[in-house]
Each structure stands twice: as structure tokens, then as C-alpha cells.
């Protein structure tokens, strides 16, 4: 799915669980981190602040934002373009 969600999760017939959040975040890559963040944000939005899935979702959102921010070459520039 691109930015679309599973109808089962968004349709209100399924309560979002911590396992749902973990499965969605899974092995996210830097390239898709912000898309996954958006999906998690939509899923946890209606949940109360103390809901376990919301707490896990907020934690995963922070980690995904950090991952997206560090999506460049972790080795740095290796001296290319530096004087």
C-alpha cells in the first residue's frame, strides 16, 4: 500500500494494538520512514493518551523521524568535496 491503510485497521472494527504498531514499523528503511510514521500517526490519532498502542506509536514515530533524518551515507563524505 502506498499511503493507504488497511481498511480493517482504519474502519474502526479493530482496536489498534501494540503489535499492530510494531508490525507496521518493523524493519523500516530511511527511505520509507516518514511514510510509515504517517501511517502510525493516523492509526493512533483517535486513541487516548494513555493507550498502550498510542504510547508505543509515539515512541516509534520519534525513532522513525530520527531514522529519516540520518538517511545519508553513515560514513560521511569520505573527504570528497572537502578542502
PDB file of N, CA and C in Angstrom:
ATOM      1  N   UNK A   1       0.836  -1.180   0.000  1.00  0.00           N
ATOM      2  CA  UNK A   1       0.000   0.000   0.000  1.00  0.00           C
ATOM      3  C   UNK A   1       0.878   1.239   0.000  1.00  0.00           C
ATOM      4  N   UNK A   2       0.471   2.254  -0.704  1.00  0.00           N
ATOM      5  CA  UNK A   2       1.235   3.490  -0.678  1.00  0.00           C
ATOM      6  C   UNK A   2       0.929   4.212   0.620  1.00  0.00           C
ATOM      7  N   UNK A   3       0.153   5.267   0.580  1.00  0.00           N
ATOM      8  CA  UNK A   3      -0.242   5.970   1.788  1.00  0.00           C
ATOM      9  C   UNK A   3      -1.578   5.449   2.306  1.00  0.00           C
ATOM     10  N   UNK A   4      -2.189   4.527   1.591  1.00  0.00           N
ATOM     11  CA  UNK A   4      -3.476   3.973   2.013  1.00  0.00           C
ATOM     12  C   UNK A   4      -3.260   2.980   3.139  1.00  0.00           C
ATOM     13  N   UNK A   5      -4.244   2.863   3.990  1.00  0.00           N
ATOM     14  CA  UNK A   5      -4.170   1.951   5.114  1.00  0.00           C
ATOM     15  C   UNK A   5      -5.022   0.723   4.883  1.00  0.00           C
ATOM     16  N   UNK A   6      -4.783  -0.251   5.685  1.00  0.00           N
ATOM     17  CA  UNK A   6      -5.614  -1.437   5.675  1.00  0.00           C
ATOM     18  C   UNK A   6      -7.004  -1.049   6.157  1.00  0.00           C
ATOM     19  N   UNK A   7      -8.042  -1.327   5.383  1.00  0.00           N
ATOM     20  CA  UNK A   7      -9.394  -0.982   5.813  1.00  0.00           C
ATOM     21  C   UNK A   7      -9.770  -1.596   7.155  1.00  0.00           C
ATOM     22  N   UNK A   8      -9.225  -2.755   7.466  1.00  0.00           N
ATOM     23  CA  UNK A   8      -9.539  -3.407   8.744  1.00  0.00           C
ATOM     24  C   UNK A   8      -9.045  -2.577   9.923  1.00  0.00           C
ATOM     25  N   UNK A   9      -7.895  -1.937   9.764  1.00  0.00           N
ATOM     26  CA  UNK A   9      -7.359  -1.129  10.856  1.00  0.00           C
ATOM     27  C   UNK A   9      -8.035   0.224  10.965  1.00  0.00           C
ATOM     28  N   UNK A  10      -8.337   0.840   9.836  1.00  0.00           N
ATOM     29  CA  UNK A  10      -8.920   2.182   9.863  1.00  0.00           C
ATOM     30  C   UNK A  10     -10.433   2.183   9.983  1.00  0.00           C
ATOM     31  N   UNK A  11     -11.066   1.062   9.689  1.00  0.00           N
ATOM     32  CA  UNK A  11     -12.520   1.013   9.671  1.00  0.00           C
ATOM     33  C   UNK A  11     -13.183   1.066  11.031  1.00  0.00           C
ATOM     34  N   UNK A  12     -12.418   0.989  12.093  1.00  0.00           N
ATOM     35  CA  UNK A  12     -12.987   1.070  13.418  1.00  0.00           C
ATOM     36  C   UNK A  12     -13.433  -0.261  13.981  1.00  0.00           C
ATOM     37  N   UNK A  13     -13.379  -1.319  13.198  1.00  0.00           N
ATOM     38  CA  UNK A  13     -13.803  -2.621  13.681  1.00  0.00           C
ATOM     39  C   UNK A  13     -12.695  -3.360  14.425  1.00  0.00           C
ATOM     40  N   UNK A  14     -11.510  -2.833  14.400  1.00  0.00           N
ATOM     41  CA  UNK A  14     -10.353  -3.473  15.025  1.00  0.00           C
ATOM     42  C   UNK A  14      -9.668  -2.457  15.925  1.00  0.00           C
ATOM     43  N   UNK A  15      -9.488  -2.787  17.198  1.00  0.00           N
ATOM     44  CA  UNK A  15      -8.759  -1.883  18.087  1.00  0.00           C
ATOM     45  C   UNK A  15      -7.273  -2.028  17.809  1.00  0.00           C
ATOM     46  N   UNK A  16      -6.611  -0.914  17.611  1.00  0.00           N
ATOM     47  CA  UNK A  16      -5.185  -0.912  17.316  1.00  0.00           C
ATOM     48  C   UNK A  16      -4.431  -1.418  18.540  1.00  0.00           C
ATOM     49  N   UNK A  17      -3.483  -2.316  18.297  1.00  0.00           N
ATOM     50  CA  UNK A  17      -2.697  -2.896  19.375  1.00  0.00           C
ATOM     51  C   UNK A  17      -1.228  -2.507  19.245  1.00  0.00           C
ATOM     52  N   UNK A  18      -0.483  -2.753  20.303  1.00  0.00           N
ATOM     53  CA  UNK A  18       0.964  -2.531  20.275  1.00  0.00           C
ATOM     54  C   UNK A  18       1.585  -3.385  19.172  1.00  0.00           C
ATOM     55  N   UNK A  19       1.076  -4.597  19.006  1.00  0.00           N
ATOM     56  CA  UNK A  19       1.606  -5.491  17.973  1.00  0.00           C
ATOM     57  C   UNK A  19       1.368  -4.922  16.573  1.00  0.00           C
ATOM     58  N   UNK A  20       0.218  -4.256  16.363  1.00  0.00           N
ATOM     59  CA  UNK A  20      -0.045  -3.611  15.071  1.00  0.00           C
ATOM     60  C   UNK A  20       1.006  -2.545  14.783  1.00  0.00           C
ATOM     61  N   UNK A  21       1.316  -1.746  15.792  1.00  0.00           N
ATOM     62  CA  UNK A  21       2.304  -0.671  15.631  1.00  0.00           C
ATOM     63  C   UNK A  21       3.673  -1.266  15.341  1.00  0.00           C
ATOM     64  N   UNK A  22       4.042  -2.273  16.087  1.00  0.00           N
ATOM     65  CA  UNK A  22       5.355  -2.905  15.880  1.00  0.00           C
ATOM     66  C   UNK A  22       5.462  -3.537  14.506  1.00  0.00           C
ATOM     67  N   UNK A  23       4.393  -4.174  14.052  1.00  0.00           N
ATOM     68  CA  UNK A  23       4.397  -4.793  12.724  1.00  0.00           C
ATOM     69  C   UNK A  23       4.519  -3.741  11.630  1.00  0.00           C
ATOM     70  N   UNK A  24       3.852  -2.628  11.816  1.00  0.00           N
ATOM     71  CA  UNK A  24       3.904  -1.566  10.812  1.00  0.00           C
ATOM     72  C   UNK A  24       5.284  -0.915  10.768  1.00  0.00           C
ATOM     73  N   UNK A  25       5.864  -0.658  11.926  1.00  0.00           N
ATOM     74  CA  UNK A  25       7.184  -0.019  11.979  1.00  0.00           C
ATOM     75  C   UNK A  25       8.267  -1.002  11.545  1.00  0.00           C
ATOM     76  N   UNK A  26       8.125  -2.237  11.977  1.00  0.00           N
ATOM     77  CA  UNK A  26       9.020  -3.319  11.595  1.00  0.00           C
ATOM     78  C   UNK A  26      10.429  -2.913  11.244  1.00  0.00           C
ATOM     79  N   UNK A  27      10.881  -3.375  10.123  1.00  0.00           N
ATOM     80  CA  UNK A  27      12.232  -3.087   9.650  1.00  0.00           C
ATOM     81  C   UNK A  27      12.191  -1.936   8.656  1.00  0.00           C
ATOM     82  N   UNK A  28      11.784  -0.774   9.134  1.00  0.00           N
ATOM     83  CA  UNK A  28      11.676   0.397   8.263  1.00  0.00           C
ATOM     84  C   UNK A  28      13.046   0.848   7.775  1.00  0.00           C
ATOM     85  N   UNK A  29      13.072   1.307   6.547  1.00  0.00           N
ATOM     86  CA  UNK A  29      14.298   1.852   5.983  1.00  0.00           C
ATOM     87  C   UNK A  29      14.208   3.376   6.021  1.00  0.00           C
ATOM     88  N   UNK A  30      15.337   4.068   5.961  1.00  0.00           N
ATOM     89  CA  UNK A  30      15.288   5.532   5.970  1.00  0.00           C
ATOM     90  C   UNK A  30      14.412   6.097   4.853  1.00  0.00           C
ATOM     91  N   UNK A  31      14.429   5.441   3.706  1.00  0.00           N
ATOM     92  CA  UNK A  31      13.678   5.926   2.554  1.00  0.00           C
ATOM     93  C   UNK A  31      12.173   5.978   2.817  1.00  0.00           C
ATOM     94  N   UNK A  32      11.657   5.013   3.570  1.00  0.00           N
ATOM     95  CA  UNK A  32      10.221   4.939   3.819  1.00  0.00           C
ATOM     96  C   UNK A  32       9.823   5.336   5.236  1.00  0.00           C
ATOM     97  N   UNK A  33      10.764   5.801   6.034  1.00  0.00           N
ATOM     98  CA  UNK A  33      10.490   6.090   7.443  1.00  0.00           C
ATOM     99  C   UNK A  33       9.358   7.097   7.634  1.00  0.00           C
ATOM    100  N   UNK A  34       9.319   8.153   6.837  1.00  0.00           N
ATOM    101  CA  UNK A  34       8.293   9.172   7.033  1.00  0.00           C
ATOM    102  C   UNK A  34       6.919   8.694   6.573  1.00  0.00           C
ATOM    103  N   UNK A  35       6.866   7.833   5.580  1.00  0.00           N
ATOM    104  CA  UNK A  35       5.580   7.258   5.175  1.00  0.00           C
ATOM    105  C   UNK A  35       5.029   6.356   6.268  1.00  0.00           C
ATOM    106  N   UNK A  36       5.894   5.549   6.858  1.00  0.00           N
ATOM    107  CA  UNK A  36       5.460   4.670   7.945  1.00  0.00           C
ATOM    108  C   UNK A  36       5.035   5.514   9.137  1.00  0.00           C
ATOM    109  N   UNK A  37       5.790   6.573   9.424  1.00  0.00           N
ATOM    110  CA  UNK A  37       5.416   7.490  10.510  1.00  0.00           C
ATOM    111  C   UNK A  37       4.004   8.024  10.309  1.00  0.00           C
ATOM    112  N   UNK A  38       3.687   8.436   9.095  1.00  0.00           N
ATOM    113  CA  UNK A  38       2.355   8.970   8.803  1.00  0.00           C
ATOM    114  C   UNK A  38       1.271   7.925   9.020  1.00  0.00           C
ATOM    115  N   UNK A  39       1.536   6.703   8.647  1.00  0.00           N
ATOM    116  CA  UNK A  39       0.567   5.624   8.844  1.00  0.00           C
ATOM    117  C   UNK A  39       0.313   5.384  10.325  1.00  0.00           C
ATOM    118  N   UNK A  40       1.394   5.339  11.099  1.00  0.00           N
ATOM    119  CA  UNK A  40       1.250   5.133  12.542  1.00  0.00           C
ATOM    120  C   UNK A  40       0.502   6.307  13.164  1.00  0.00           C
ATOM    121  N   UNK A  41       0.832   7.500  12.756  1.00  0.00           N
ATOM    122  CA  UNK A  41       0.169   8.691  13.306  1.00  0.00           C
ATOM    123  C   UNK A  41      -1.347   8.629  13.083  1.00  0.00           C
ATOM    124  N   UNK A  42      -1.760   8.201  11.885  1.00  0.00           N
ATOM    125  CA  UNK A  42      -3.200   8.093  11.597  1.00  0.00           C
ATOM    126  C   UNK A  42      -3.862   7.015  12.457  1.00  0.00           C
ATOM    127  N   UNK A  43      -3.146   5.934  12.695  1.00  0.00           N
ATOM    128  CA  UNK A  43      -3.722   4.848  13.488  1.00  0.00           C
ATOM    129  C   UNK A  43      -3.899   5.224  14.958  1.00  0.00           C
ATOM    130  N   UNK A  44      -2.947   5.968  15.514  1.00  0.00           N
ATOM    131  CA  UNK A  44      -3.012   6.262  16.945  1.00  0.00           C
ATOM    132  C   UNK A  44      -3.770   7.543  17.265  1.00  0.00           C
ATOM    133  N   UNK A  45      -4.057   8.343  16.256  1.00  0.00           N
ATOM    134  CA  UNK A  45      -4.715   9.631  16.476  1.00  0.00           C
ATOM    135  C   UNK A  45      -5.982   9.536  17.340  1.00  0.00           C
ATOM    136  N   UNK A  46      -6.881   8.583  17.094  1.00  0.00           N
ATOM    137  CA  UNK A  46      -8.105   8.547  17.907  1.00  0.00           C
ATOM    138  C   UNK A  46      -7.937   7.912  19.289  1.00  0.00           C
ATOM    139  N   UNK A  47      -6.768   7.360  19.574  1.00  0.00           N
ATOM    140  CA  UNK A  47      -6.570   6.663  20.839  1.00  0.00           C
ATOM    141  C   UNK A  47      -6.312   7.646  21.980  1.00  0.00           C
ATOM    142  N   UNK A  48      -6.746   7.305  23.193  1.00  0.00           N
ATOM    143  CA  UNK A  48      -6.473   8.174  24.345  1.00  0.00           C
ATOM    144  C   UNK A  48      -4.976   8.209  24.648  1.00  0.00           C
ATOM    145  N   UNK A  49      -4.499   9.275  25.306  1.00  0.00           N
ATOM    146  CA  UNK A  49      -3.062   9.435  25.572  1.00  0.00           C
ATOM    147  C   UNK A  49      -2.417   8.285  26.346  1.00  0.00           C
ATOM    148  N   UNK A  50      -3.177   7.593  27.179  1.00  0.00           N
ATOM    149  CA  UNK A  50      -2.587   6.532  27.992  1.00  0.00           C
ATOM    150  C   UNK A  50      -2.754   5.138  27.391  1.00  0.00           C
ATOM    151  N   UNK A  51      -3.262   5.060  26.166  1.00  0.00           N
ATOM    152  CA  UNK A  51      -3.448   3.759  25.497  1.00  0.00           C
ATOM    153  C   UNK A  51      -2.069   3.179  25.156  1.00  0.00           C
ATOM    154  N   UNK A  52      -1.829   1.913  25.453  1.00  0.00           N
ATOM    155  CA  UNK A  52      -0.516   1.304  25.173  1.00  0.00           C
ATOM    156  C   UNK A  52      -0.084   1.414  23.706  1.00  0.00           C
ATOM    157  N   UNK A  53      -1.019   1.268  22.774  1.00  0.00           N
ATOM    158  CA  UNK A  53      -0.658   1.368  21.352  1.00  0.00           C
ATOM    159  C   UNK A  53      -0.272   2.801  20.996  1.00  0.00           C
ATOM    160  N   UNK A  54      -0.909   3.770  21.625  1.00  0.00           N
ATOM    161  CA  UNK A  54      -0.546   5.171  21.359  1.00  0.00           C
ATOM    162  C   UNK A  54       0.853   5.468  21.906  1.00  0.00           C
ATOM    163  N   UNK A  55       1.129   4.982  23.101  1.00  0.00           N
ATOM    164  CA  UNK A  55       2.451   5.193  23.702  1.00  0.00           C
ATOM    165  C   UNK A  55       3.537   4.558  22.828  1.00  0.00           C
ATOM    166  N   UNK A  56       3.301   3.330  22.393  1.00  0.00           N
ATOM    167  CA  UNK A  56       4.258   2.656  21.501  1.00  0.00           C
ATOM    168  C   UNK A  56       4.358   3.391  20.168  1.00  0.00           C
ATOM    169  N   UNK A  57       3.223   3.847  19.648  1.00  0.00           N
ATOM    170  CA  UNK A  57       3.223   4.582  18.387  1.00  0.00           C
ATOM    171  C   UNK A  57       4.026   5.863  18.461  1.00  0.00           C
ATOM    172  N   UNK A  58       3.879   6.599  19.538  1.00  0.00           N
ATOM    173  CA  UNK A  58       4.641   7.842  19.702  1.00  0.00           C
ATOM    174  C   UNK A  58       6.136   7.558  19.810  1.00  0.00           C
ATOM    175  N   UNK A  59       6.461   6.475  20.478  1.00  0.00           N
ATOM    176  CA  UNK A  59       7.869   6.085  20.589  1.00  0.00           C
ATOM    177  C   UNK A  59       8.434   5.714  19.217  1.00  0.00           C
ATOM    178  N   UNK A  60       7.658   4.963  18.459  1.00  0.00           N
ATOM    179  CA  UNK A  60       8.096   4.560  17.121  1.00  0.00           C
ATOM    180  C   UNK A  60       8.172   5.757  16.168  1.00  0.00           C
ATOM    181  N   UNK A  61       7.247   6.699  16.296  1.00  0.00           N
ATOM    182  CA  UNK A  61       7.274   7.905  15.467  1.00  0.00           C
ATOM    183  C   UNK A  61       8.582   8.659  15.682  1.00  0.00           C
ATOM    184  N   UNK A  62       8.984   8.823  16.938  1.00  0.00           N
ATOM    185  CA  UNK A  62      10.244   9.517  17.241  1.00  0.00           C
ATOM    186  C   UNK A  62      11.428   8.780  16.616  1.00  0.00           C
ATOM    187  N   UNK A  63      11.426   7.450  16.720  1.00  0.00           N
ATOM    188  CA  UNK A  63      12.519   6.665  16.149  1.00  0.00           C
ATOM    189  C   UNK A  63      12.535   6.769  14.622  1.00  0.00           C
ATOM    190  N   UNK A  64      11.366   6.768  14.002  1.00  0.00           N
ATOM    191  CA  UNK A  64      11.288   6.879  12.541  1.00  0.00           C
ATOM    192  C   UNK A  64      11.748   8.242  12.063  1.00  0.00           C
ATOM    193  N   UNK A  65      11.407   9.289  12.790  1.00  0.00           N
ATOM    194  CA  UNK A  65      11.863  10.630  12.422  1.00  0.00           C
ATOM    195  C   UNK A  65      13.374  10.724  12.532  1.00  0.00           C
ATOM    196  N   UNK A  66      13.936  10.106  13.558  1.00  0.00           N
ATOM    197  CA  UNK A  66      15.391  10.079  13.710  1.00  0.00           C
ATOM    198  C   UNK A  66      16.020   9.295  12.564  1.00  0.00           C
ATOM    199  N   UNK A  67      15.436   8.170  12.215  1.00  0.00           N
ATOM    200  CA  UNK A  67      15.936   7.356  11.115  1.00  0.00           C
ATOM    201  C   UNK A  67      15.913   8.140   9.802  1.00  0.00           C
ATOM    202  N   UNK A  68      14.828   8.842   9.534  1.00  0.00           N
ATOM    203  CA  UNK A  68      14.708   9.618   8.295  1.00  0.00           C
ATOM    204  C   UNK A  68      15.731  10.750   8.248  1.00  0.00           C
ATOM    205  N   UNK A  69      16.012  11.327   9.397  1.00  0.00           N
ATOM    206  CA  UNK A  69      16.961  12.446   9.457  1.00  0.00           C
ATOM    207  C   UNK A  69      18.394  11.992   9.188  1.00  0.00           C
ATOM    208  N   UNK A  70      18.670  10.750   9.474  1.00  0.00           N
ATOM    209  CA  UNK A  70      20.016  10.216   9.296  1.00  0.00           C
ATOM    210  C   UNK A  70      20.073   9.244   8.128  1.00  0.00           C
ATOM    211  N   UNK A  71      19.404   9.590   7.057  1.00  0.00           N
ATOM    212  CA  UNK A  71      19.313   8.667   5.930  1.00  0.00           C
ATOM    213  C   UNK A  71      20.458   8.801   4.941  1.00  0.00           C
ATOM    214  N   UNK A  72      21.383   9.718   5.198  1.00  0.00           N
ATOM    215  CA  UNK A  72      22.524   9.866   4.304  1.00  0.00           C
ATOM    216  C   UNK A  72      23.547   8.770   4.521  1.00  0.00           C
ATOM    217  N   UNK A  73      24.629   8.869   3.821  1.00  0.00           N
ATOM    218  CA  UNK A  73      25.703   7.897   3.938  1.00  0.00           C
ATOM    219  C   UNK A  73      26.304   7.975   5.338  1.00  0.00           C
ATOM    220  N   UNK A  74      26.197   6.922   6.136  1.00  0.00           N
ATOM    221  CA  UNK A  74      26.687   6.981   7.506  1.00  0.00           C
ATOM    222  C   UNK A  74      28.204   7.123   7.604  1.00  0.00           C
ATOM    223  N   UNK A  75      28.888   6.892   6.508  1.00  0.00           N
ATOM    224  CA  UNK A  75      30.345   7.022   6.520  1.00  0.00           C
ATOM    225  C   UNK A  75      30.783   8.454   6.293  1.00  0.00           C
ATOM    226  N   UNK A  76      29.834   9.346   6.037  1.00  0.00           N
ATOM    227  CA  UNK A  76      30.190  10.738   5.770  1.00  0.00           C
ATOM    228  C   UNK A  76      30.604  10.921   4.324  1.00  0.00           C
ATOM    229  N   UNK A  77      31.335  11.971   4.071  1.00  0.00           N
ATOM    230  CA  UNK A  77      31.716  12.312   2.697  1.00  0.00           C
ATOM    231  C   UNK A  77      33.009  11.626   2.273  1.00  0.00           C
ATOM    232  N   UNK A  78      33.707  11.008   3.212  1.00  0.00           N
ATOM    233  CA  UNK A  78      34.971  10.325   2.926  1.00  0.00           C
ATOM    234  C   UNK A  78      35.968  11.275   2.268  1.00  0.00           C
ATOM    235  N   UNK A  79      35.875  12.563   2.607  1.00  0.00           N
ATOM    236  CA  UNK A  79      36.821  13.538   2.093  1.00  0.00           C
ATOM    237  C   UNK A  79      36.482  14.094   0.735  1.00  0.00           C
ATOM    238  N   UNK A  80      35.442  13.617   0.101  1.00  0.00           N
ATOM    239  CA  UNK A  80      35.073  14.092  -1.235  1.00  0.00           C
ATOM    240  C   UNK A  80      34.485  15.490  -1.104  1.00  0.00           C
ATOM    241  N   UNK A  81      35.003  16.403  -1.874  1.00  0.00           N
ATOM    242  CA  UNK A  81      34.477  17.778  -1.882  1.00  0.00           C
ATOM    243  C   UNK A  81      34.958  18.612  -0.707  1.00  0.00           C
ATOM    244  N   UNK A  82      35.823  18.075   0.117  1.00  0.00           N
ATOM    245  CA  UNK A  82      36.361  18.835   1.243  1.00  0.00           C
ATOM    246  C   UNK A  82      37.760  19.317   0.897  1.00  0.00           C
ATOM    247  N   UNK A  83      38.122  20.467   1.432  1.00  0.00           N
ATOM    248  CA  UNK A  83      39.465  21.014   1.180  1.00  0.00           C
ATOM    249  C   UNK A  83      40.295  20.940   2.415  1.00  0.00           C
TER     250      UNK A  83
END
